N, C-alpha and C. Protein backbone atom coordinates (compact mmCIF):
# COMPACT_ATOMS: atom_id res chain seq x y z
N UNK A 1 -9.69 -14.21 -40.54
CA UNK A 1 -9.30 -12.80 -40.26
C UNK A 1 -7.99 -12.51 -40.58
N UNK A 2 -7.66 -11.36 -41.30
CA UNK A 2 -6.26 -11.11 -41.69
C UNK A 2 -5.45 -10.58 -40.48
N UNK A 3 -4.23 -10.37 -40.75
CA UNK A 3 -3.29 -10.06 -39.78
C UNK A 3 -3.68 -8.65 -39.09
N UNK A 4 -4.10 -7.82 -39.93
CA UNK A 4 -4.31 -6.37 -39.33
C UNK A 4 -5.54 -6.45 -38.50
N UNK A 5 -6.47 -7.15 -38.96
CA UNK A 5 -7.72 -7.22 -38.05
C UNK A 5 -7.54 -8.02 -36.64
N UNK A 6 -6.72 -9.02 -36.79
CA UNK A 6 -6.26 -9.84 -35.74
C UNK A 6 -5.48 -8.86 -34.55
N UNK A 7 -4.60 -8.09 -35.19
CA UNK A 7 -3.83 -7.20 -34.21
C UNK A 7 -4.75 -6.27 -33.68
N UNK A 8 -5.85 -5.80 -34.27
CA UNK A 8 -6.73 -4.75 -33.95
C UNK A 8 -7.64 -5.39 -32.80
N UNK A 9 -8.03 -6.57 -33.03
CA UNK A 9 -8.99 -7.20 -32.21
C UNK A 9 -8.10 -7.54 -30.79
N UNK A 10 -6.94 -7.97 -30.84
CA UNK A 10 -6.04 -8.16 -29.84
C UNK A 10 -5.85 -6.87 -29.06
N UNK A 11 -5.77 -5.66 -29.71
CA UNK A 11 -5.54 -4.46 -29.11
C UNK A 11 -6.74 -4.11 -28.34
N UNK A 12 -7.90 -4.41 -28.73
CA UNK A 12 -9.11 -3.94 -28.12
C UNK A 12 -9.39 -4.83 -27.07
N UNK A 13 -9.09 -6.07 -27.23
CA UNK A 13 -9.23 -7.01 -25.96
C UNK A 13 -8.29 -6.62 -24.87
N UNK A 14 -7.11 -6.19 -25.26
CA UNK A 14 -6.17 -5.80 -24.13
C UNK A 14 -6.74 -4.64 -23.37
N UNK A 15 -7.50 -3.54 -24.15
CA UNK A 15 -8.22 -2.43 -23.56
C UNK A 15 -9.20 -2.79 -22.56
N UNK A 16 -9.86 -3.98 -22.80
CA UNK A 16 -10.89 -4.26 -21.93
C UNK A 16 -10.51 -4.90 -20.54
N UNK A 17 -9.33 -5.17 -20.23
CA UNK A 17 -8.79 -5.82 -18.96
C UNK A 17 -7.84 -4.69 -18.36
N UNK A 18 -7.97 -4.73 -17.11
CA UNK A 18 -6.98 -3.83 -16.27
C UNK A 18 -5.61 -4.37 -16.67
N UNK A 19 -4.45 -3.39 -16.32
CA UNK A 19 -3.26 -3.55 -16.40
C UNK A 19 -2.78 -4.66 -15.38
N UNK A 20 -3.44 -4.51 -14.25
CA UNK A 20 -3.02 -5.35 -13.11
C UNK A 20 -4.44 -5.85 -12.53
N UNK A 21 -4.36 -7.06 -11.77
CA UNK A 21 -5.58 -7.50 -11.12
C UNK A 21 -5.27 -7.26 -9.77
N UNK A 22 -6.40 -6.59 -9.05
CA UNK A 22 -6.42 -6.32 -7.81
C UNK A 22 -7.64 -6.71 -7.14
N UNK A 23 -7.67 -7.11 -5.78
CA UNK A 23 -9.00 -7.46 -5.16
C UNK A 23 -9.89 -6.35 -5.25
N UNK A 24 -11.02 -6.62 -5.44
CA UNK A 24 -12.16 -5.48 -5.62
C UNK A 24 -12.91 -5.08 -4.46
N UNK A 25 -13.57 -4.01 -4.39
CA UNK A 25 -14.34 -3.36 -3.46
C UNK A 25 -15.34 -4.57 -2.83
N UNK A 26 -15.56 -4.56 -1.61
CA UNK A 26 -16.50 -5.67 -1.22
C UNK A 26 -15.87 -6.90 -0.81
N UNK A 27 -14.47 -7.26 -1.31
CA UNK A 27 -13.97 -8.46 -1.24
C UNK A 27 -13.39 -8.53 0.25
N UNK A 28 -13.44 -9.62 0.95
CA UNK A 28 -12.70 -9.81 2.33
C UNK A 28 -11.31 -9.58 2.06
N UNK A 29 -10.78 -8.73 2.92
CA UNK A 29 -9.40 -8.43 2.96
C UNK A 29 -8.59 -9.65 3.38
N UNK A 30 -7.53 -10.29 2.92
CA UNK A 30 -6.77 -11.21 3.44
C UNK A 30 -6.09 -10.86 4.69
N UNK A 31 -5.96 -11.73 5.74
CA UNK A 31 -5.18 -11.42 6.79
C UNK A 31 -3.81 -10.90 6.64
N UNK A 32 -3.34 -10.11 7.50
CA UNK A 32 -1.92 -9.74 7.61
C UNK A 32 -1.46 -9.80 8.84
N UNK A 33 -0.47 -10.81 9.01
CA UNK A 33 0.37 -10.90 10.19
C UNK A 33 1.81 -11.02 9.75
N UNK A 34 2.53 -9.88 10.21
CA UNK A 34 3.91 -9.75 9.66
C UNK A 34 4.69 -8.94 10.69
N UNK A 35 6.04 -9.15 10.43
CA UNK A 35 7.04 -8.31 11.23
C UNK A 35 6.89 -7.07 10.71
N UNK A 36 6.99 -5.95 11.44
CA UNK A 36 6.75 -4.58 11.02
C UNK A 36 7.56 -3.56 11.97
N UNK A 37 7.67 -2.35 11.56
CA UNK A 37 8.60 -1.43 12.18
C UNK A 37 7.59 -0.23 12.53
N UNK A 38 7.82 0.28 13.86
CA UNK A 38 7.02 1.54 14.03
C UNK A 38 8.19 2.42 14.90
N UNK A 39 8.52 3.66 14.31
CA UNK A 39 9.44 4.46 14.82
C UNK A 39 10.65 3.86 15.13
N UNK A 40 11.02 2.95 14.24
CA UNK A 40 12.54 2.37 14.44
C UNK A 40 12.43 1.06 15.23
N UNK A 41 11.50 0.56 15.69
CA UNK A 41 11.44 -0.68 16.56
C UNK A 41 10.38 -1.61 16.01
N UNK A 42 10.95 -2.82 15.77
CA UNK A 42 10.14 -3.80 15.09
C UNK A 42 9.26 -4.58 16.17
N UNK A 43 7.90 -5.07 15.59
CA UNK A 43 7.14 -5.62 16.36
C UNK A 43 6.17 -6.62 15.35
N UNK A 44 5.25 -7.32 15.99
CA UNK A 44 4.33 -8.17 15.14
C UNK A 44 3.11 -7.39 14.93
N UNK A 45 3.05 -7.04 13.52
CA UNK A 45 1.85 -6.32 13.20
C UNK A 45 0.58 -7.36 12.79
N UNK A 46 -0.73 -7.00 13.25
CA UNK A 46 -1.85 -7.89 12.90
C UNK A 46 -2.96 -6.86 12.35
N UNK A 47 -3.23 -7.07 11.23
CA UNK A 47 -4.42 -6.22 10.65
C UNK A 47 -5.68 -6.65 11.45
N UNK A 48 -5.99 -7.80 11.71
CA UNK A 48 -7.06 -8.19 12.40
C UNK A 48 -7.27 -7.33 13.63
N UNK A 49 -6.03 -7.26 14.51
CA UNK A 49 -6.12 -6.50 15.80
C UNK A 49 -6.50 -4.94 15.33
N UNK A 50 -5.85 -4.42 14.29
CA UNK A 50 -6.01 -2.96 13.96
C UNK A 50 -7.54 -2.83 13.57
N UNK A 51 -8.12 -3.73 13.16
CA UNK A 51 -9.61 -3.48 12.58
C UNK A 51 -10.56 -3.35 13.67
N UNK A 52 -10.24 -3.76 14.92
CA UNK A 52 -10.93 -3.68 16.11
C UNK A 52 -10.98 -2.25 16.49
N UNK A 53 -10.12 -1.36 16.04
CA UNK A 53 -10.01 -0.03 16.48
C UNK A 53 -10.78 0.89 15.35
N UNK A 54 -10.97 0.35 14.20
CA UNK A 54 -11.53 1.07 13.02
C UNK A 54 -10.91 0.80 11.78
N UNK A 55 -11.33 1.58 10.63
CA UNK A 55 -10.90 1.26 9.31
C UNK A 55 -9.24 1.32 9.22
N UNK A 56 -8.82 0.52 8.27
CA UNK A 56 -7.39 0.60 8.09
C UNK A 56 -7.06 0.93 6.60
N UNK A 57 -6.13 1.64 6.50
CA UNK A 57 -5.59 2.01 5.14
C UNK A 57 -4.32 1.13 4.94
N UNK A 58 -4.26 0.25 4.15
CA UNK A 58 -3.21 -0.68 3.83
C UNK A 58 -2.71 -0.31 2.50
N UNK A 59 -1.69 0.31 2.66
CA UNK A 59 -0.92 0.68 1.12
C UNK A 59 0.29 0.06 0.92
N UNK A 60 0.27 -0.61 -0.15
CA UNK A 60 1.56 -1.41 -0.80
C UNK A 60 2.36 -0.39 -1.70
N UNK A 61 3.67 -0.54 -1.37
CA UNK A 61 4.63 0.43 -2.10
C UNK A 61 5.86 -0.46 -2.63
N UNK A 62 6.28 0.11 -3.69
CA UNK A 62 7.62 -0.72 -4.23
C UNK A 62 8.77 -0.82 -3.11
N UNK A 63 9.35 0.28 -2.61
CA UNK A 63 10.63 -0.06 -1.80
C UNK A 63 10.66 1.39 -1.03
N UNK A 64 11.08 1.10 0.36
CA UNK A 64 11.63 2.31 0.97
C UNK A 64 12.76 2.90 0.28
N UNK A 65 12.92 4.32 0.72
CA UNK A 65 13.85 5.28 0.16
C UNK A 65 13.93 5.20 -1.48
N UNK A 66 12.84 5.24 -2.14
CA UNK A 66 12.76 5.37 -3.49
C UNK A 66 11.90 6.67 -3.73
N UNK A 67 11.92 7.40 -4.76
CA UNK A 67 11.41 8.74 -4.93
C UNK A 67 9.84 8.57 -4.54
N UNK A 68 9.06 7.90 -5.43
CA UNK A 68 7.61 7.93 -5.15
C UNK A 68 7.14 7.57 -3.66
N UNK A 69 7.91 6.31 -3.10
CA UNK A 69 7.73 5.84 -1.91
C UNK A 69 8.02 6.91 -0.83
N UNK A 70 9.00 7.68 -1.14
CA UNK A 70 9.41 8.71 -0.06
C UNK A 70 8.30 9.73 -0.04
N UNK A 71 7.88 10.09 -1.03
CA UNK A 71 6.67 11.34 -1.15
C UNK A 71 5.45 10.51 -0.39
N UNK A 72 5.13 9.26 -0.86
CA UNK A 72 4.10 8.81 -0.25
C UNK A 72 4.05 8.74 1.14
N UNK A 73 5.14 8.22 1.61
CA UNK A 73 5.40 8.02 3.27
C UNK A 73 5.26 9.36 3.79
N UNK A 74 5.87 10.26 3.40
CA UNK A 74 5.97 11.62 3.86
C UNK A 74 4.49 12.22 4.03
N UNK A 75 3.70 12.12 2.80
CA UNK A 75 2.43 12.58 2.78
C UNK A 75 1.31 11.89 3.85
N UNK A 76 1.71 10.62 3.87
CA UNK A 76 0.71 9.89 4.87
C UNK A 76 1.10 10.38 6.34
N UNK A 77 2.42 10.61 6.82
CA UNK A 77 2.85 11.22 7.90
C UNK A 77 2.41 12.67 8.31
N UNK A 78 2.41 13.30 7.14
CA UNK A 78 2.02 14.95 7.33
C UNK A 78 0.38 14.88 7.77
N UNK A 79 -0.17 13.84 7.01
CA UNK A 79 -1.70 13.94 7.05
C UNK A 79 -2.22 12.95 8.21
N UNK A 80 -1.24 12.32 8.92
CA UNK A 80 -1.58 11.25 9.93
C UNK A 80 -2.76 11.60 10.94
N UNK A 81 -2.58 12.92 11.37
CA UNK A 81 -3.70 13.23 12.40
C UNK A 81 -5.02 13.30 11.70
N UNK A 82 -5.04 13.70 10.37
CA UNK A 82 -6.38 13.63 9.81
C UNK A 82 -7.08 12.36 9.58
N UNK A 83 -6.29 11.25 9.38
CA UNK A 83 -6.63 9.96 9.40
C UNK A 83 -7.01 9.50 10.63
N UNK A 84 -6.33 9.74 11.71
CA UNK A 84 -6.80 9.39 12.95
C UNK A 84 -8.06 10.15 13.58
N UNK A 85 -8.24 11.29 13.11
CA UNK A 85 -9.55 12.11 13.36
C UNK A 85 -10.62 11.40 12.86
N UNK A 86 -10.59 10.63 11.64
CA UNK A 86 -11.47 9.73 11.08
C UNK A 86 -11.42 8.39 11.54
N UNK A 87 -10.89 8.13 12.48
CA UNK A 87 -10.75 6.86 13.22
C UNK A 87 -10.30 5.79 12.46
N UNK A 88 -9.24 6.17 11.51
CA UNK A 88 -8.44 5.16 10.70
C UNK A 88 -7.10 5.14 11.06
N UNK A 89 -6.38 3.75 10.91
CA UNK A 89 -5.11 3.70 11.10
C UNK A 89 -4.29 3.34 9.67
N UNK A 90 -3.05 3.39 9.58
CA UNK A 90 -2.19 3.36 8.32
C UNK A 90 -1.40 2.21 8.56
N UNK A 91 -1.00 1.44 7.54
CA UNK A 91 -0.02 0.43 7.40
C UNK A 91 0.67 0.52 6.13
N UNK A 92 1.80 0.52 6.04
CA UNK A 92 2.63 0.38 4.84
C UNK A 92 3.31 -0.94 4.69
N UNK A 93 2.99 -1.71 3.42
CA UNK A 93 3.54 -2.77 3.16
C UNK A 93 4.44 -3.00 1.96
N UNK A 94 5.64 -3.61 2.24
CA UNK A 94 6.63 -3.59 0.95
C UNK A 94 7.33 -4.95 1.33
N UNK A 95 8.23 -5.07 0.33
CA UNK A 95 9.10 -6.39 0.36
C UNK A 95 10.43 -6.05 1.09
N UNK A 96 10.62 -4.79 1.50
CA UNK A 96 11.88 -4.37 2.03
C UNK A 96 12.02 -5.33 3.45
N UNK A 97 13.39 -5.59 3.89
CA UNK A 97 13.38 -6.34 5.09
C UNK A 97 13.35 -5.41 6.38
N UNK A 98 13.18 -5.95 7.41
CA UNK A 98 12.83 -5.27 8.62
C UNK A 98 13.98 -4.25 9.04
N UNK A 99 15.33 -4.47 8.52
CA UNK A 99 16.34 -3.48 8.89
C UNK A 99 16.15 -2.31 8.23
N UNK A 100 15.80 -2.43 7.00
CA UNK A 100 15.52 -1.04 6.07
C UNK A 100 14.24 -0.54 6.70
N UNK A 101 13.27 -1.33 7.01
CA UNK A 101 12.18 -0.61 7.49
C UNK A 101 12.37 0.06 8.95
N UNK A 102 13.06 -0.41 9.65
CA UNK A 102 13.34 0.28 11.05
C UNK A 102 14.02 1.74 10.78
N UNK A 103 14.76 1.84 9.77
CA UNK A 103 15.34 3.01 9.44
C UNK A 103 14.28 3.92 8.67
N UNK A 104 13.51 3.51 7.81
CA UNK A 104 12.50 4.01 7.05
C UNK A 104 11.33 4.62 8.00
N UNK A 105 11.05 3.78 9.05
CA UNK A 105 9.89 4.12 9.82
C UNK A 105 10.16 5.17 10.73
N UNK A 106 11.40 5.33 11.19
CA UNK A 106 11.91 6.47 12.09
C UNK A 106 12.47 7.72 11.35
N UNK A 107 12.69 7.66 10.09
CA UNK A 107 13.12 8.59 9.28
C UNK A 107 12.27 9.76 9.45
N UNK A 108 12.80 11.02 9.83
CA UNK A 108 11.75 12.16 10.08
C UNK A 108 11.40 12.67 8.85
N UNK A 109 11.99 12.47 7.74
CA UNK A 109 11.58 13.00 6.35
C UNK A 109 10.50 12.15 5.68
N UNK A 110 10.51 10.81 6.26
CA UNK A 110 9.49 9.85 5.52
C UNK A 110 8.34 9.58 6.57
N UNK A 111 8.47 8.28 7.13
CA UNK A 111 7.38 7.88 8.09
C UNK A 111 7.36 8.74 9.38
N UNK A 112 8.52 9.12 9.74
CA UNK A 112 8.53 10.08 10.84
C UNK A 112 7.93 9.53 12.09
N UNK A 113 8.01 8.21 12.23
CA UNK A 113 7.32 7.53 13.42
C UNK A 113 5.87 7.83 13.61
N UNK A 114 5.10 7.98 12.77
CA UNK A 114 3.84 8.01 12.84
C UNK A 114 2.89 6.78 12.44
N UNK A 115 3.42 6.02 11.70
CA UNK A 115 2.54 4.67 11.30
C UNK A 115 3.49 3.50 10.96
N UNK A 116 3.13 2.40 11.29
CA UNK A 116 4.05 1.24 10.90
C UNK A 116 4.12 0.84 9.54
N UNK A 117 5.19 0.22 9.22
CA UNK A 117 5.61 -0.40 7.89
C UNK A 117 5.83 -1.92 8.19
N UNK A 118 5.08 -2.80 7.37
CA UNK A 118 5.46 -4.12 7.52
C UNK A 118 6.18 -4.69 6.37
N UNK A 119 6.98 -5.68 6.84
CA UNK A 119 7.87 -6.24 5.87
C UNK A 119 7.27 -7.67 5.19
N UNK A 120 7.02 -7.68 4.08
CA UNK A 120 6.50 -8.69 3.21
C UNK A 120 7.70 -9.31 2.35
N UNK A 121 8.86 -9.63 3.02
CA UNK A 121 9.84 -9.97 2.19
C UNK A 121 9.75 -11.11 1.16
N UNK A 122 8.75 -12.07 1.19
CA UNK A 122 8.74 -13.03 0.26
C UNK A 122 7.57 -12.52 -0.71
N UNK A 123 7.01 -11.38 -0.53
CA UNK A 123 5.72 -10.95 -1.45
C UNK A 123 4.47 -11.72 -1.23
N UNK A 124 4.32 -12.63 -0.24
CA UNK A 124 3.21 -13.39 0.04
C UNK A 124 1.93 -12.57 0.24
N UNK A 125 2.14 -11.60 1.16
CA UNK A 125 1.10 -10.76 1.40
C UNK A 125 0.56 -10.03 0.16
N UNK A 126 1.49 -9.44 -0.65
CA UNK A 126 1.07 -8.67 -1.80
C UNK A 126 0.31 -9.66 -2.84
N UNK A 127 0.70 -10.72 -2.91
CA UNK A 127 0.12 -11.72 -3.95
C UNK A 127 -1.07 -12.19 -3.40
N UNK A 128 -1.36 -12.11 -1.94
CA UNK A 128 -2.70 -12.50 -1.46
C UNK A 128 -3.85 -11.45 -1.84
N UNK A 129 -3.24 -10.25 -2.10
CA UNK A 129 -4.34 -9.21 -2.39
C UNK A 129 -4.13 -9.06 -4.03
N UNK A 130 -3.64 -9.95 -4.71
CA UNK A 130 -3.52 -10.05 -6.13
C UNK A 130 -2.88 -8.91 -6.84
N UNK A 131 -1.74 -8.47 -5.99
CA UNK A 131 -0.77 -7.50 -6.60
C UNK A 131 0.33 -8.34 -7.41
N UNK A 132 0.89 -7.66 -8.36
CA UNK A 132 1.83 -8.07 -9.17
C UNK A 132 3.24 -7.73 -8.41
N UNK A 133 4.02 -8.76 -8.24
CA UNK A 133 5.37 -8.58 -7.63
C UNK A 133 6.56 -8.85 -8.53
N UNK A 134 7.21 -7.82 -8.85
CA UNK A 134 8.39 -8.08 -10.00
C UNK A 134 9.66 -8.14 -9.17
N UNK A 135 10.67 -8.68 -10.04
CA UNK A 135 12.09 -8.76 -9.51
C UNK A 135 12.67 -7.58 -9.58
N UNK A 136 13.77 -7.14 -8.69
CA UNK A 136 14.48 -5.80 -8.80
C UNK A 136 15.24 -5.88 -10.04
N UNK A 137 15.53 -4.80 -10.50
CA UNK A 137 16.59 -4.66 -11.85
C UNK A 137 17.91 -4.70 -11.01
N UNK A 138 18.89 -5.41 -11.90
CA UNK A 138 20.21 -5.57 -11.22
C UNK A 138 20.91 -4.22 -11.14
N UNK A 139 21.43 -4.01 -9.95
CA UNK A 139 22.23 -2.73 -9.86
C UNK A 139 21.31 -1.62 -9.33
N UNK A 140 20.02 -1.62 -9.24
CA UNK A 140 19.26 -0.55 -8.77
C UNK A 140 19.49 -0.14 -7.52
N UNK A 141 19.57 1.23 -7.18
CA UNK A 141 19.88 1.62 -6.00
C UNK A 141 18.70 2.54 -5.34
N UNK A 142 18.67 2.73 -4.12
CA UNK A 142 17.68 3.63 -3.52
C UNK A 142 18.14 5.09 -3.43
N UNK A 143 17.32 6.05 -2.90
CA UNK A 143 17.68 7.40 -2.81
C UNK A 143 19.01 7.72 -1.95
N UNK A 144 19.33 6.61 -1.33
CA UNK A 144 20.60 7.00 -0.51
C UNK A 144 21.95 6.30 -1.13
N UNK A 145 21.60 5.61 -2.37
CA UNK A 145 22.71 5.09 -3.03
C UNK A 145 23.01 3.57 -2.80
N UNK A 146 22.05 3.05 -1.90
CA UNK A 146 22.10 1.57 -1.51
C UNK A 146 21.54 0.71 -2.52
N UNK A 147 21.98 -0.31 -2.68
CA UNK A 147 21.47 -1.38 -3.82
C UNK A 147 20.10 -2.11 -3.25
N UNK A 148 19.31 -2.02 -4.05
CA UNK A 148 17.84 -2.72 -3.68
C UNK A 148 17.98 -3.95 -4.12
N UNK A 149 17.86 -4.97 -3.24
CA UNK A 149 18.03 -6.37 -3.59
C UNK A 149 16.70 -7.23 -3.66
N UNK A 150 15.61 -6.46 -3.13
CA UNK A 150 14.30 -6.95 -2.86
C UNK A 150 13.30 -6.88 -4.15
N UNK A 151 12.14 -7.64 -4.36
CA UNK A 151 11.30 -7.48 -5.30
C UNK A 151 10.36 -6.18 -5.01
N UNK A 152 9.57 -5.92 -5.91
CA UNK A 152 8.72 -4.61 -5.60
C UNK A 152 7.19 -5.04 -5.99
N UNK A 153 6.42 -4.64 -5.07
CA UNK A 153 4.92 -4.68 -5.13
C UNK A 153 4.44 -3.50 -5.97
N UNK A 154 3.44 -3.68 -6.73
CA UNK A 154 2.72 -2.35 -7.34
C UNK A 154 2.17 -1.63 -6.35
N UNK A 155 2.25 -0.17 -6.65
CA UNK A 155 1.77 0.70 -5.51
C UNK A 155 0.30 0.56 -5.60
N UNK A 156 -0.41 0.17 -4.46
CA UNK A 156 -1.93 0.16 -4.55
C UNK A 156 -2.37 0.17 -3.09
N UNK A 157 -3.42 0.92 -2.71
CA UNK A 157 -3.84 1.12 -1.52
C UNK A 157 -5.38 0.45 -1.21
N UNK A 158 -5.36 -0.08 -0.29
CA UNK A 158 -6.73 -0.75 0.19
C UNK A 158 -7.27 -0.02 1.38
N UNK A 159 -8.53 0.29 1.36
CA UNK A 159 -9.27 0.94 2.57
C UNK A 159 -10.03 -0.15 3.15
N UNK A 160 -9.79 -0.84 4.31
CA UNK A 160 -10.39 -1.83 4.86
C UNK A 160 -11.32 -1.56 6.01
N UNK A 161 -12.59 -1.85 6.04
CA UNK A 161 -13.49 -1.50 7.07
C UNK A 161 -13.29 -2.61 8.30
N UNK A 162 -13.85 -2.22 9.39
CA UNK A 162 -13.80 -3.00 10.52
C UNK A 162 -14.28 -4.45 10.53
N UNK A 163 -15.25 -4.53 9.61
CA UNK A 163 -15.89 -5.80 9.15
C UNK A 163 -14.81 -6.74 8.23
N UNK A 164 -13.67 -6.17 8.09
CA UNK A 164 -12.72 -6.99 7.24
C UNK A 164 -12.96 -6.93 5.84
N UNK A 165 -13.74 -6.04 5.28
CA UNK A 165 -14.10 -5.97 3.79
C UNK A 165 -13.27 -4.68 3.21
N UNK A 166 -12.97 -4.99 1.78
CA UNK A 166 -12.46 -3.84 1.17
C UNK A 166 -13.38 -2.73 0.76
N UNK A 167 -13.40 -1.64 1.25
CA UNK A 167 -14.14 -0.43 1.08
C UNK A 167 -13.70 0.22 -0.45
N UNK A 168 -12.43 0.19 -0.60
CA UNK A 168 -11.91 0.80 -1.80
C UNK A 168 -10.52 0.46 -2.14
N UNK A 169 -10.31 0.26 -3.45
CA UNK A 169 -9.05 -0.13 -4.01
C UNK A 169 -8.52 1.13 -4.89
N UNK A 170 -7.24 1.43 -4.60
CA UNK A 170 -6.68 2.52 -5.29
C UNK A 170 -5.38 2.38 -5.90
N UNK A 171 -5.37 2.18 -7.26
CA UNK A 171 -4.16 1.99 -7.90
C UNK A 171 -4.01 2.88 -9.15
N UNK A 172 -2.79 2.93 -9.78
CA UNK A 172 -2.66 3.94 -10.73
C UNK A 172 -2.62 5.44 -10.60
N UNK A 173 -2.38 5.72 -9.24
CA UNK A 173 -2.51 7.18 -8.76
C UNK A 173 -0.90 7.65 -8.44
N UNK A 174 -0.85 8.96 -8.75
CA UNK A 174 0.64 9.42 -7.96
C UNK A 174 0.53 9.30 -6.64
N UNK A 175 1.69 9.27 -5.98
CA UNK A 175 1.88 9.06 -4.56
C UNK A 175 0.73 9.90 -3.65
N UNK A 176 1.08 11.38 -3.96
CA UNK A 176 0.17 12.16 -3.07
C UNK A 176 -1.29 12.10 -3.46
N UNK A 177 -1.59 11.92 -4.75
CA UNK A 177 -3.05 11.57 -4.94
C UNK A 177 -3.56 10.45 -4.38
N UNK A 178 -2.64 9.32 -4.13
CA UNK A 178 -3.22 8.18 -3.56
C UNK A 178 -3.48 8.39 -2.05
N UNK A 179 -2.70 9.18 -1.28
CA UNK A 179 -2.89 9.67 0.01
C UNK A 179 -4.18 10.56 0.19
N UNK A 180 -4.27 11.44 -0.76
CA UNK A 180 -5.50 12.35 -0.60
C UNK A 180 -6.68 11.49 -0.86
N UNK A 181 -6.83 10.75 -1.69
CA UNK A 181 -8.01 9.78 -2.13
C UNK A 181 -8.27 8.88 -0.96
N UNK A 182 -7.29 8.31 -0.35
CA UNK A 182 -7.37 7.45 0.83
C UNK A 182 -7.87 8.24 1.99
N UNK A 183 -7.58 9.40 2.18
CA UNK A 183 -8.09 10.26 3.34
C UNK A 183 -9.53 10.61 2.88
N UNK A 184 -9.81 11.10 1.73
CA UNK A 184 -11.23 11.32 1.39
C UNK A 184 -12.01 10.18 1.69
N UNK A 185 -11.74 8.87 1.31
CA UNK A 185 -12.53 7.67 1.58
C UNK A 185 -12.75 7.46 3.11
N UNK A 186 -11.71 7.56 3.93
CA UNK A 186 -11.84 7.37 5.37
C UNK A 186 -12.78 8.34 6.00
N UNK A 187 -12.64 9.56 5.48
CA UNK A 187 -13.35 10.72 6.04
C UNK A 187 -14.91 10.38 5.68
N UNK A 188 -15.16 9.99 4.38
CA UNK A 188 -16.63 9.62 4.11
C UNK A 188 -17.16 8.44 4.85
N UNK A 189 -16.30 7.44 5.16
CA UNK A 189 -16.76 6.33 5.99
C UNK A 189 -17.08 6.93 7.51
N UNK A 190 -16.28 7.80 7.88
CA UNK A 190 -16.41 8.39 9.21
C UNK A 190 -17.85 9.28 9.36
N UNK A 191 -18.02 10.02 8.30
CA UNK A 191 -19.34 10.77 8.09
C UNK A 191 -20.47 9.75 8.11
N UNK A 192 -20.39 8.75 7.44
CA UNK A 192 -21.49 7.66 7.39
C UNK A 192 -21.67 7.12 8.69
N UNK A 193 -20.58 6.79 9.53
CA UNK A 193 -20.80 6.04 10.78
C UNK A 193 -21.50 7.20 11.54
N UNK A 194 -21.13 8.49 11.58
CA UNK A 194 -21.83 9.41 12.47
C UNK A 194 -23.44 9.75 12.21
N UNK A 195 -23.76 9.39 10.88
CA UNK A 195 -24.93 9.73 10.40
C UNK A 195 -25.93 8.60 10.81
N UNK A 196 -25.44 7.49 11.14
CA UNK A 196 -26.12 6.33 11.39
C UNK A 196 -26.79 6.32 12.83
């Protein structure tokens, strides 16, 4: 095989695989037990405890107080009642420390005290969901001008059903699209439950 054909074969092979590996639909959702913040107060979050109430939207995001994450958190907050009407709860997960999350969770422009955000400071939870975690760029600052010193998980949302299975995996979407699609899925799950 000549060099040109080899490069073409490699390019085609790369197109055959997703850019990132994430847990697929139907896969058991790894447990989440983490320090989290709700409306500025930290507590111990348990995915397993939340699943007893209904489906959970677990959304991983790169960092509090960054453009896309601000939009996504605000969109989840604005639509919180619609998720609740569908019987679903929401939790955000990032590598932010709990101090940053206490501020972010209470910020009226973003989480607005509507849902918890969990601290995955070492990236262990993100990795258990097969998400890529990358190091921060030196000198990178958030939307407030504060330096970001933690790593970043890729923006991906998992809708988890009460039996602990992943009903949907959403990646590669813009923040508002991610929220809209998550809401659509939990509403479909609610409609299915009602029809049974």
